[in-house]
Amino acid sequence: MHELGKLEDLPQGYRDDLTATNLVPLWPSMRAVLPPRIPTRHTQVLNWSYESVRPLLLQAGELTPMEKAERRVLVLANPGHGLENMQATPSIYLGLQLILPGETAPNHRHTPNAVRVIVEGEGAFTTVDGEPCRMERGDLILTPAGKWHEHHHEGTGPIVWLDVLDLPLVYRLESSWAMEGQLQQKRSERDKSFADYSAAGVVPNMGFQRGDSNSPMLRYPWAKTRTCLLEMASEYPEGLLSISYVNPENGTPLFPSIGFGALMLRPGETITLPKRTTPVVFHVVEGAGQMNVVGHASAGAEPLDFINKDTLCAPGYTDITLTNRSATEPAFLISADESPLHQYLGIF
């Protein structure tokens, strides 16, 4: 590409007139917003170590009662985007949320879509528009845009989950807002993953009609996902073992903005993921290993180590290699990325 003119090439008086009229010349900045072949990427390679975060999260429970917090969360902020912007990627927000025994996070709803990935604890549930969703390690629980949701903890010990929201996107569209409401009445005793959507390829038949909801199933139990990946491993001795979480009625992604999946690393396996445009977040459900990222300045020379319950992030347009350090046990990771949004925009 040929060299473009610089801002300082323009007379100061002309620049002042542009500023006074709320105008900006494009050509001095064109290469910044339209760089050749590879985009500018602010997302940095990062591992939020759960061992490091957990004591600070528990301390937050001591320092801030629920009535002062509404949602007691420590945001996993990627420094490449500026900590104050509370972003893990350009359009994904991550936060670790804590509820202590006997607490209830009050009912509210908001415009951003959200998924909860359960990290630790038992005895809690999320009620979404009257449907109670049990919270167990590795489960995905959806709270789509506009749905009422509250969190209850009736067990012992803390419960922690990873919040994954499209908040940065919705906020920058000047469309982010929330509304508080009264506690909900449960419409059933179990969520639909137990019966209506208890098996792949099966939908209920009692008066069933396909609706326009993009989230008819709200809880995706980890136990079923883990079993599926293990069965796939017995069938396919080589190659990437991965699944996508989808709407059980039509196969579309859970949200139009964020795609979710899970993958399994066989014992001792090292695998390079397909290269893609979108940044990606990984949460380690089981196992320990390394993530090596090539193609970004923040990657560093050495791979990032990870263990159970860690959360990792890598930018797009990079080569990502994952290694399972155990020679005897598989490793499992849940992923989130912006692939539905990229596909809609035609840039995936």
Foldseek 3Di string as FASTA:
>chain_A
DDDFDAPVVDDPVVVVVCVVVVHDDCGNCVCQCVPPPAHDFLQFWDKDACVVVVVVLVVLCVVDPCVRPLWSWDWPAGPSVPRVLQDNGQQKTKIKTKDAAFDKSAKKFKAKKKKKAWADDAQKWKAWQQATEGHDHGKIFIRHHPIIMMMHHNDHDMTIIMMIIRVNVCVVVVNIDMDGDHDDHHPDDHFCCVPQVVDQPGGDDDPDDDDPDQPNGGMDDVVVVVVVQVVVCVVDVDDWRKDWDGRRPPRHASDLFKTKMKTKADAFDKDKDDADQKKKKKFWRAAKWWKQKPDDPNRDDDTDIGHHGMMIIDGHPIIIMIGGHGNHDMTMIMMMIGVSVCVVVVND
